[in-house]
């Protein structure tokens, strides 16, 4: 049975969300779709290309209309959207951060952050460093939150989750530093 690229991608995201990153293999994906793993390579040349498409799909599914006007609020909007998109899928933070770090995809958020900062008057070098700083904060926070929640839900650890809601305060600290730098 022939499958469209979009069908293979949708199934890959569903497999990731249901079973986690370790279960997302070309062999398992092919098996669940009723095709040989080699048929998956017709749509995705490598596992890395598949993961890049999965990361971009996670981000696309989390996309929300922009409503903020002031640059600090625009930064918060982009960062919050990124965090929620990654948290919406099992191992989403791991996949998106890894794909971005390898330069394979998931570049939308950093480009948008750089644009917001440039619009705010940040020099290009500051905009680049600040956007990566924000990205690293969001990736790290989302990864910790996702990992902790999964470990607690599996009974692997017994830890309080009260530290997890501090995302907004931490983001405000970074944005306040940028505001002071741009003043």
C-alpha atoms as a PDB file:
ATOM      1  CA  UNK A   1       0.000   0.000   0.000  1.00  0.00           C
ATOM      2  CA  UNK A   2       1.425   3.380  -1.017  1.00  0.00           C
ATOM      3  CA  UNK A   3       1.405   6.160   1.539  1.00  0.00           C
ATOM      4  CA  UNK A   4       1.752   9.889   1.031  1.00  0.00           C
ATOM      5  CA  UNK A   5       4.591  11.711   2.778  1.00  0.00           C
ATOM      6  CA  UNK A   6       2.050  13.574   4.917  1.00  0.00           C
ATOM      7  CA  UNK A   7       0.514  10.264   6.067  1.00  0.00           C
ATOM      8  CA  UNK A   8       3.913   8.842   6.988  1.00  0.00           C
ATOM      9  CA  UNK A   9       4.770  12.048   8.865  1.00  0.00           C
ATOM     10  CA  UNK A  10       1.445  12.074  10.727  1.00  0.00           C
ATOM     11  CA  UNK A  11       1.977   8.457  11.769  1.00  0.00           C
ATOM     12  CA  UNK A  12       5.552   9.202  12.862  1.00  0.00           C
ATOM     13  CA  UNK A  13       4.317  12.028  15.113  1.00  0.00           C
ATOM     14  CA  UNK A  14       1.586   9.779  16.530  1.00  0.00           C
ATOM     15  CA  UNK A  15       4.125   7.012  17.171  1.00  0.00           C
ATOM     16  CA  UNK A  16       6.429   9.479  18.938  1.00  0.00           C
ATOM     17  CA  UNK A  17       3.608  10.855  21.046  1.00  0.00           C
ATOM     18  CA  UNK A  18       2.309   7.414  22.016  1.00  0.00           C
ATOM     19  CA  UNK A  19       5.561   5.549  22.621  1.00  0.00           C
ATOM     20  CA  UNK A  20       8.376   8.114  22.792  1.00  0.00           C
ATOM     21  CA  UNK A  21      11.514   8.779  20.798  1.00  0.00           C
ATOM     22  CA  UNK A  22      13.090   5.366  21.367  1.00  0.00           C
ATOM     23  CA  UNK A  23      10.151   3.720  19.573  1.00  0.00           C
ATOM     24  CA  UNK A  24      10.362   5.946  16.515  1.00  0.00           C
ATOM     25  CA  UNK A  25      12.360   3.768  14.151  1.00  0.00           C
ATOM     26  CA  UNK A  26      12.064   3.356  10.397  1.00  0.00           C
ATOM     27  CA  UNK A  27      11.442  -0.355  10.924  1.00  0.00           C
ATOM     28  CA  UNK A  28       8.582   0.183  13.384  1.00  0.00           C
ATOM     29  CA  UNK A  29       7.085   2.980  11.326  1.00  0.00           C
ATOM     30  CA  UNK A  30       7.116   0.775   8.225  1.00  0.00           C
ATOM     31  CA  UNK A  31       5.655  -2.142  10.150  1.00  0.00           C
ATOM     32  CA  UNK A  32       2.803  -0.066  11.550  1.00  0.00           C
ATOM     33  CA  UNK A  33       2.060   1.323   8.102  1.00  0.00           C
ATOM     34  CA  UNK A  34       2.159  -2.166   6.586  1.00  0.00           C
ATOM     35  CA  UNK A  35       5.170  -1.492   4.351  1.00  0.00           C
ATOM     36  CA  UNK A  36       8.836  -2.425   4.293  1.00  0.00           C
ATOM     37  CA  UNK A  37      11.126   0.064   6.060  1.00  0.00           C
ATOM     38  CA  UNK A  38      12.688   0.799   2.672  1.00  0.00           C
ATOM     39  CA  UNK A  39       9.361   2.296   1.573  1.00  0.00           C
ATOM     40  CA  UNK A  40       9.736   4.957   4.266  1.00  0.00           C
ATOM     41  CA  UNK A  41      13.025   6.001   2.646  1.00  0.00           C
ATOM     42  CA  UNK A  42      11.047   6.912  -0.476  1.00  0.00           C
ATOM     43  CA  UNK A  43       9.651   9.842   1.542  1.00  0.00           C
ATOM     44  CA  UNK A  44      12.528  10.508   3.967  1.00  0.00           C
ATOM     45  CA  UNK A  45      16.117   9.862   2.874  1.00  0.00           C
ATOM     46  CA  UNK A  46      17.266   9.206   6.444  1.00  0.00           C
ATOM     47  CA  UNK A  47      16.112   8.954  10.034  1.00  0.00           C
ATOM     48  CA  UNK A  48      17.545  12.442  10.567  1.00  0.00           C
ATOM     49  CA  UNK A  49      15.382  13.830   7.766  1.00  0.00           C
ATOM     50  CA  UNK A  50      12.336  12.147   9.302  1.00  0.00           C
ATOM     51  CA  UNK A  51      13.139  13.625  12.732  1.00  0.00           C
ATOM     52  CA  UNK A  52      13.572  17.066  11.177  1.00  0.00           C
ATOM     53  CA  UNK A  53      10.141  16.780   9.569  1.00  0.00           C
ATOM     54  CA  UNK A  54       8.662  15.548  12.870  1.00  0.00           C
ATOM     55  CA  UNK A  55      10.182  18.520  14.714  1.00  0.00           C
ATOM     56  CA  UNK A  56       8.822  20.967  12.157  1.00  0.00           C
ATOM     57  CA  UNK A  57       5.410  19.299  12.387  1.00  0.00           C
ATOM     58  CA  UNK A  58       5.430  19.582  16.190  1.00  0.00           C
ATOM     59  CA  UNK A  59       6.113  23.300  15.813  1.00  0.00           C
ATOM     60  CA  UNK A  60       3.485  23.713  13.097  1.00  0.00           C
ATOM     61  CA  UNK A  61       0.843  22.016  15.236  1.00  0.00           C
ATOM     62  CA  UNK A  62       1.651  24.396  18.083  1.00  0.00           C
ATOM     63  CA  UNK A  63       1.538  27.560  15.979  1.00  0.00           C
ATOM     64  CA  UNK A  64      -0.788  30.262  17.240  1.00  0.00           C
ATOM     65  CA  UNK A  65      -1.762  33.659  15.820  1.00  0.00           C
ATOM     66  CA  UNK A  66       0.413  36.514  17.017  1.00  0.00           C
ATOM     67  CA  UNK A  67      -1.386  39.205  19.021  1.00  0.00           C
ATOM     68  CA  UNK A  68       1.388  40.984  20.931  1.00  0.00           C
ATOM     69  CA  UNK A  69       2.598  44.393  19.791  1.00  0.00           C
ATOM     70  CA  UNK A  70       5.417  45.398  22.139  1.00  0.00           C
ATOM     71  CA  UNK A  71       8.681  43.539  21.515  1.00  0.00           C
ATOM     72  CA  UNK A  72       8.996  42.049  25.048  1.00  0.00           C
ATOM     73  CA  UNK A  73       5.495  40.602  24.722  1.00  0.00           C
ATOM     74  CA  UNK A  74       6.306  39.314  21.246  1.00  0.00           C
ATOM     75  CA  UNK A  75       9.353  37.487  22.651  1.00  0.00           C
ATOM     76  CA  UNK A  76       7.208  35.967  25.400  1.00  0.00           C
ATOM     77  CA  UNK A  77       4.622  34.895  22.824  1.00  0.00           C
ATOM     78  CA  UNK A  78       7.180  33.093  20.646  1.00  0.00           C
ATOM     79  CA  UNK A  79       8.868  31.419  23.637  1.00  0.00           C
ATOM     80  CA  UNK A  80       5.592  30.324  25.214  1.00  0.00           C
ATOM     81  CA  UNK A  81       4.326  28.920  21.924  1.00  0.00           C
ATOM     82  CA  UNK A  82       7.562  26.963  21.462  1.00  0.00           C
ATOM     83  CA  UNK A  83       7.383  25.554  24.984  1.00  0.00           C
ATOM     84  CA  UNK A  84       3.744  24.496  24.677  1.00  0.00           C
ATOM     85  CA  UNK A  85       4.301  22.943  21.248  1.00  0.00           C
ATOM     86  CA  UNK A  86       7.156  20.805  22.569  1.00  0.00           C
ATOM     87  CA  UNK A  87       5.269  19.803  25.716  1.00  0.00           C
ATOM     88  CA  UNK A  88       2.242  18.730  23.656  1.00  0.00           C
ATOM     89  CA  UNK A  89       4.090  15.693  22.280  1.00  0.00           C
ATOM     90  CA  UNK A  90       5.960  12.997  24.196  1.00  0.00           C
ATOM     91  CA  UNK A  91       9.694  13.693  23.883  1.00  0.00           C
ATOM     92  CA  UNK A  92       8.846  16.785  21.823  1.00  0.00           C
ATOM     93  CA  UNK A  93      11.463  18.897  23.601  1.00  0.00           C
ATOM     94  CA  UNK A  94      14.158  16.317  22.931  1.00  0.00           C
ATOM     95  CA  UNK A  95      13.262  16.029  19.240  1.00  0.00           C
ATOM     96  CA  UNK A  96      12.920  19.760  18.530  1.00  0.00           C
ATOM     97  CA  UNK A  97      16.064  20.758  20.453  1.00  0.00           C
ATOM     98  CA  UNK A  98      18.148  18.004  18.857  1.00  0.00           C
ATOM     99  CA  UNK A  99      16.978  18.779  15.344  1.00  0.00           C
ATOM    100  CA  UNK A 100      17.737  22.472  15.870  1.00  0.00           C
ATOM    101  CA  UNK A 101      21.152  21.768  17.412  1.00  0.00           C
ATOM    102  CA  UNK A 102      22.103  19.577  14.440  1.00  0.00           C
ATOM    103  CA  UNK A 103      20.982  22.287  11.994  1.00  0.00           C
ATOM    104  CA  UNK A 104      18.419  19.975  10.407  1.00  0.00           C
ATOM    105  CA  UNK A 105      15.289  22.071  10.964  1.00  0.00           C
ATOM    106  CA  UNK A 106      13.142  23.653  13.677  1.00  0.00           C
ATOM    107  CA  UNK A 107      14.653  27.021  12.736  1.00  0.00           C
ATOM    108  CA  UNK A 108      11.393  28.982  12.752  1.00  0.00           C
ATOM    109  CA  UNK A 109      11.455  30.084  16.397  1.00  0.00           C
ATOM    110  CA  UNK A 110      15.035  31.396  16.328  1.00  0.00           C
ATOM    111  CA  UNK A 111      14.360  33.302  13.098  1.00  0.00           C
ATOM    112  CA  UNK A 112      11.255  34.843  14.605  1.00  0.00           C
ATOM    113  CA  UNK A 113      13.079  35.773  17.822  1.00  0.00           C
ATOM    114  CA  UNK A 114      15.881  37.385  15.799  1.00  0.00           C
ATOM    115  CA  UNK A 115      13.331  39.411  13.832  1.00  0.00           C
ATOM    116  CA  UNK A 116      11.566  40.607  16.982  1.00  0.00           C
ATOM    117  CA  UNK A 117      14.896  41.683  18.468  1.00  0.00           C
ATOM    118  CA  UNK A 118      16.000  43.402  15.258  1.00  0.00           C
ATOM    119  CA  UNK A 119      12.674  45.250  15.176  1.00  0.00           C
ATOM    120  CA  UNK A 120      13.391  46.342  18.760  1.00  0.00           C
ATOM    121  CA  UNK A 121      16.658  47.907  17.624  1.00  0.00           C
ATOM    122  CA  UNK A 122      19.069  45.202  18.748  1.00  0.00           C
ATOM    123  CA  UNK A 123      22.286  45.033  16.723  1.00  0.00           C
ATOM    124  CA  UNK A 124      22.579  41.833  14.670  1.00  0.00           C
ATOM    125  CA  UNK A 125      25.207  40.262  16.941  1.00  0.00           C
ATOM    126  CA  UNK A 126      23.125  40.907  20.070  1.00  0.00           C
ATOM    127  CA  UNK A 127      19.947  39.673  18.364  1.00  0.00           C
ATOM    128  CA  UNK A 128      21.688  36.420  17.416  1.00  0.00           C
ATOM    129  CA  UNK A 129      23.053  35.755  20.913  1.00  0.00           C
ATOM    130  CA  UNK A 130      19.843  36.848  22.648  1.00  0.00           C
ATOM    131  CA  UNK A 131      17.660  34.656  20.422  1.00  0.00           C
ATOM    132  CA  UNK A 132      19.858  31.631  21.122  1.00  0.00           C
ATOM    133  CA  UNK A 133      19.814  32.435  24.845  1.00  0.00           C
ATOM    134  CA  UNK A 134      16.016  32.512  24.824  1.00  0.00           C
ATOM    135  CA  UNK A 135      15.919  29.318  22.777  1.00  0.00           C
ATOM    136  CA  UNK A 136      18.273  27.531  25.161  1.00  0.00           C
ATOM    137  CA  UNK A 137      16.167  28.639  28.118  1.00  0.00           C
ATOM    138  CA  UNK A 138      12.966  27.342  26.517  1.00  0.00           C
ATOM    139  CA  UNK A 139      14.567  24.073  25.377  1.00  0.00           C
ATOM    140  CA  UNK A 140      16.104  23.431  28.780  1.00  0.00           C
ATOM    141  CA  UNK A 141      12.989  24.257  30.739  1.00  0.00           C
ATOM    142  CA  UNK A 142      10.716  22.213  28.475  1.00  0.00           C
ATOM    143  CA  UNK A 143      13.117  19.252  28.510  1.00  0.00           C
ATOM    144  CA  UNK A 144      13.311  19.280  32.317  1.00  0.00           C
ATOM    145  CA  UNK A 145       9.558  19.618  32.659  1.00  0.00           C
ATOM    146  CA  UNK A 146       8.813  16.878  30.157  1.00  0.00           C
ATOM    147  CA  UNK A 147      11.374  14.501  31.618  1.00  0.00           C
ATOM    148  CA  UNK A 148      10.268  15.096  35.209  1.00  0.00           C
ATOM    149  CA  UNK A 149       6.581  14.643  34.417  1.00  0.00           C
ATOM    150  CA  UNK A 150       7.263  11.425  32.494  1.00  0.00           C
ATOM    151  CA  UNK A 151       9.483  10.035  35.257  1.00  0.00           C
ATOM    152  CA  UNK A 152       6.931  10.862  37.960  1.00  0.00           C
ATOM    153  CA  UNK A 153       4.059   9.397  35.928  1.00  0.00           C
ATOM    154  CA  UNK A 154       6.011   6.152  35.457  1.00  0.00           C
ATOM    155  CA  UNK A 155       6.867   5.996  39.146  1.00  0.00           C
ATOM    156  CA  UNK A 156      10.577   6.159  38.329  1.00  0.00           C
ATOM    157  CA  UNK A 157      11.160   9.075  40.689  1.00  0.00           C
ATOM    158  CA  UNK A 158       9.340  10.679  43.545  1.00  0.00           C
ATOM    159  CA  UNK A 159       9.949  14.382  43.199  1.00  0.00           C
ATOM    160  CA  UNK A 160       7.811  17.450  43.624  1.00  0.00           C
ATOM    161  CA  UNK A 161       6.830  19.222  40.422  1.00  0.00           C
ATOM    162  CA  UNK A 162       6.364  22.647  42.016  1.00  0.00           C
ATOM    163  CA  UNK A 163       9.525  24.055  40.418  1.00  0.00           C
ATOM    164  CA  UNK A 164       8.116  23.471  36.946  1.00  0.00           C
ATOM    165  CA  UNK A 165       5.689  26.415  36.765  1.00  0.00           C
ATOM    166  CA  UNK A 166       8.536  28.937  37.053  1.00  0.00           C
ATOM    167  CA  UNK A 167       8.842  29.265  33.264  1.00  0.00           C
ATOM    168  CA  UNK A 168       7.227  32.705  33.067  1.00  0.00           C
ATOM    169  CA  UNK A 169       9.376  34.184  35.839  1.00  0.00           C
ATOM    170  CA  UNK A 170      12.578  32.856  34.290  1.00  0.00           C
ATOM    171  CA  UNK A 171      11.555  34.193  30.892  1.00  0.00           C
ATOM    172  CA  UNK A 172      10.798  37.577  32.441  1.00  0.00           C
ATOM    173  CA  UNK A 173      14.305  37.664  33.940  1.00  0.00           C
ATOM    174  CA  UNK A 174      15.879  37.155  30.505  1.00  0.00           C
ATOM    175  CA  UNK A 175      13.550  39.671  28.830  1.00  0.00           C
ATOM    176  CA  UNK A 176      14.238  42.228  31.589  1.00  0.00           C
ATOM    177  CA  UNK A 177      17.960  41.828  30.951  1.00  0.00           C
ATOM    178  CA  UNK A 178      17.401  42.412  27.230  1.00  0.00           C
ATOM    179  CA  UNK A 179      15.258  45.465  27.972  1.00  0.00           C
ATOM    180  CA  UNK A 180      18.060  46.913  30.138  1.00  0.00           C
ATOM    181  CA  UNK A 181      20.647  46.158  27.426  1.00  0.00           C
ATOM    182  CA  UNK A 182      18.537  47.848  24.733  1.00  0.00           C
ATOM    183  CA  UNK A 183      17.672  50.909  26.863  1.00  0.00           C
END
